[in-house]
Protein backbone atom coordinates (compact mmCIF):
# COMPACT_ATOMS: atom_id res chain seq x y z
CA MET A 1 -47.07 44.12 8.36
CA GLN A 2 -50.26 45.24 10.01
CA PHE A 3 -53.50 46.02 8.20
CA ARG A 4 -57.14 46.76 8.82
CA LYS A 5 -60.09 47.22 6.52
CA ASP A 6 -62.57 50.00 7.15
CA ALA A 7 -65.77 50.62 5.20
CA ASN A 8 -64.12 51.93 2.02
CA ALA A 9 -60.38 51.56 2.49
CA TRP A 10 -57.52 49.54 3.91
CA VAL A 11 -54.90 50.90 6.30
CA VAL A 12 -51.62 49.04 5.77
CA VAL A 13 -48.47 49.53 7.85
CA LEU A 14 -45.24 47.92 6.69
CA GLN A 15 -42.53 47.20 9.24
CA ARG A 16 -38.76 47.66 9.22
CA GLY A 17 -37.06 45.26 6.82
CA GLU A 18 -40.08 44.58 4.62
CA LYS A 19 -39.76 45.32 0.90
CA ILE A 20 -42.52 47.65 -0.23
CA LYS A 21 -43.44 46.27 -3.65
CA GLU A 22 -42.91 42.61 -2.75
CA THR A 23 -44.90 42.91 0.49
CA LEU A 24 -47.78 44.95 -0.93
CA ASP A 25 -48.08 42.65 -3.96
CA ALA A 26 -48.28 39.58 -1.70
CA TRP A 27 -50.78 41.31 0.61
CA ALA A 28 -53.01 42.42 -2.28
CA LYS A 29 -53.04 38.92 -3.75
CA LYS A 30 -53.91 37.35 -0.38
CA GLU A 31 -56.67 39.88 0.36
CA GLY A 32 -58.09 39.83 -3.18
CA VAL A 33 -57.28 43.45 -4.03
CA ARG A 34 -57.16 43.33 -7.85
CA GLY A 35 -57.61 47.06 -8.39
CA GLY A 36 -57.32 50.24 -6.42
CA ALA A 37 -55.40 53.34 -5.49
CA VAL A 38 -52.54 53.48 -3.00
CA THR A 39 -50.80 56.35 -1.26
CA ALA A 40 -48.07 56.14 1.38
CA ILE A 41 -45.38 57.92 3.37
CA GLY A 42 -42.56 56.58 5.50
CA ALA A 43 -38.84 55.93 5.55
CA LEU A 44 -36.82 53.71 3.21
CA LYS A 45 -33.44 52.07 2.91
CA ASP A 46 -31.61 51.60 -0.39
CA PRO A 47 -34.49 52.46 -2.75
CA THR A 48 -34.33 51.87 -6.49
CA LEU A 49 -36.28 54.21 -8.75
CA ALA A 50 -36.63 54.17 -12.52
CA TYR A 51 -37.27 56.51 -15.40
CA TYR A 52 -38.92 55.20 -18.57
CA ASP A 53 -36.97 56.14 -21.69
CA LEU A 54 -39.66 56.28 -24.37
CA LYS A 55 -37.17 56.25 -27.27
CA LYS A 56 -35.42 53.12 -25.99
CA LYS A 57 -38.67 51.66 -24.59
CA GLN A 58 -36.94 50.62 -21.41
CA TYR A 59 -36.65 51.63 -17.78
CA LEU A 60 -33.41 53.21 -16.63
CA ASN A 61 -32.88 52.21 -12.99
CA ARG A 62 -31.04 54.21 -10.36
CA GLY A 63 -30.26 52.82 -6.93
CA PHE A 64 -29.82 55.06 -3.93
CA SER A 65 -27.69 53.95 -0.96
CA GLY A 66 -28.70 54.76 2.59
CA ASP A 67 -31.79 55.96 4.39
CA PHE A 68 -34.39 58.23 2.78
CA GLU A 69 -37.72 59.77 3.65
CA LEU A 70 -40.55 58.44 1.53
CA VAL A 71 -42.03 61.87 0.88
CA SER A 72 -44.80 60.45 -1.27
CA LEU A 73 -45.80 57.19 -2.88
CA SER A 74 -48.71 57.25 -5.28
CA GLY A 75 -49.91 54.43 -7.43
CA ASN A 76 -52.42 51.76 -8.23
CA PHE A 77 -53.05 48.06 -8.07
CA SER A 78 -54.13 46.04 -11.08
CA GLU A 79 -54.18 42.38 -12.04
CA THR A 80 -50.42 42.65 -12.59
CA GLY A 81 -49.67 44.05 -9.13
CA LEU A 82 -48.54 47.37 -7.72
CA HIS A 83 -47.54 50.19 -10.04
CA ALA A 84 -46.23 53.11 -8.00
CA HIS A 85 -44.18 56.25 -8.30
CA ALA A 86 -42.23 57.62 -5.37
CA VAL A 87 -40.53 60.80 -4.24
CA ILE A 88 -37.64 60.29 -1.83
CA ALA A 89 -35.43 62.79 0.02
CA GLY A 90 -32.17 62.39 1.93
CA PRO A 91 -30.48 64.38 4.70
CA ASP A 92 -29.55 67.13 2.22
CA PHE A 93 -33.31 67.59 1.50
CA GLN A 94 -32.70 66.93 -2.20
CA ALA A 95 -35.65 65.05 -3.69
CA PHE A 96 -35.63 62.36 -6.37
CA GLY A 97 -38.64 60.78 -7.98
CA GLY A 98 -39.59 58.05 -10.38
CA HIS A 99 -41.15 54.63 -10.84
CA LEU A 100 -40.67 52.55 -7.68
CA VAL A 101 -38.69 49.43 -8.53
CA GLU A 102 -38.20 48.37 -4.90
CA ALA A 103 -37.17 49.66 -1.48
CA GLU A 104 -36.78 48.27 2.00
CA VAL A 105 -38.63 49.91 4.87
CA SER A 106 -36.12 51.44 7.30
CA ILE A 107 -38.57 52.68 9.96
CA THR A 108 -42.18 52.40 8.78
CA CYS A 109 -44.33 52.75 5.68
CA GLU A 110 -47.91 53.92 6.27
CA ALA A 111 -50.24 53.28 3.37
CA PHE A 112 -53.89 53.74 2.50
CA VAL A 113 -55.44 51.55 -0.18
CA ILE A 114 -58.81 52.33 -1.73
CA PRO A 115 -60.00 49.22 -3.57
CA VAL A 116 -62.02 49.19 -6.78
CA GLY A 117 -63.06 46.31 -9.02
CA GLY A 118 -60.40 44.39 -10.93
CA ILE A 119 -58.25 46.60 -13.13
CA GLY A 120 -56.50 45.14 -16.15
CA ARG A 121 -53.58 46.25 -18.28
CA LYS A 122 -52.99 46.00 -22.01
CA LEU A 123 -49.75 46.46 -23.92
CA ASP A 124 -49.54 49.74 -25.83
CA GLU A 125 -47.30 49.16 -28.84
CA LYS A 126 -46.29 52.84 -29.19
CA SER A 127 -44.95 53.21 -25.66
CA GLY A 128 -44.02 49.59 -24.97
CA LEU A 129 -45.86 49.80 -21.64
CA LYS A 130 -48.93 48.05 -20.28
CA HIS A 131 -51.58 50.75 -19.89
CA MET A 132 -54.50 50.51 -17.49
CA ARG A 133 -57.75 49.44 -19.06
CA VAL A 134 -61.14 49.94 -17.48
CA ASP A 135 -63.40 47.94 -19.80
């Protein structure tokens, strides 16, 4: 991983073989990023995405085998780590999207992180999910 902080943002580049969520969570903890926005593009290997089934109150995971373009990753950091959604596309140009569970970088992952003060999360009983809180 390589990274640099500019006046208002971080530029973070993940290398081949690094796991996106695991690596960004460890980086954010080390650098003290407890809240912020993240966006990224790149290329992935064997990503796992999820869809949240509100009736069952659980994530339904789907793994994808092979190499994929990371068309878009959009998410945020909070006290609990990275929460991101991703759109991936394969050689047939078919796109799939969902909550990013994990993925390995196959070529590169180029991210921008805009930090803000610490962001918390609180469990929402109706959805069963921890929603962002800004108080």
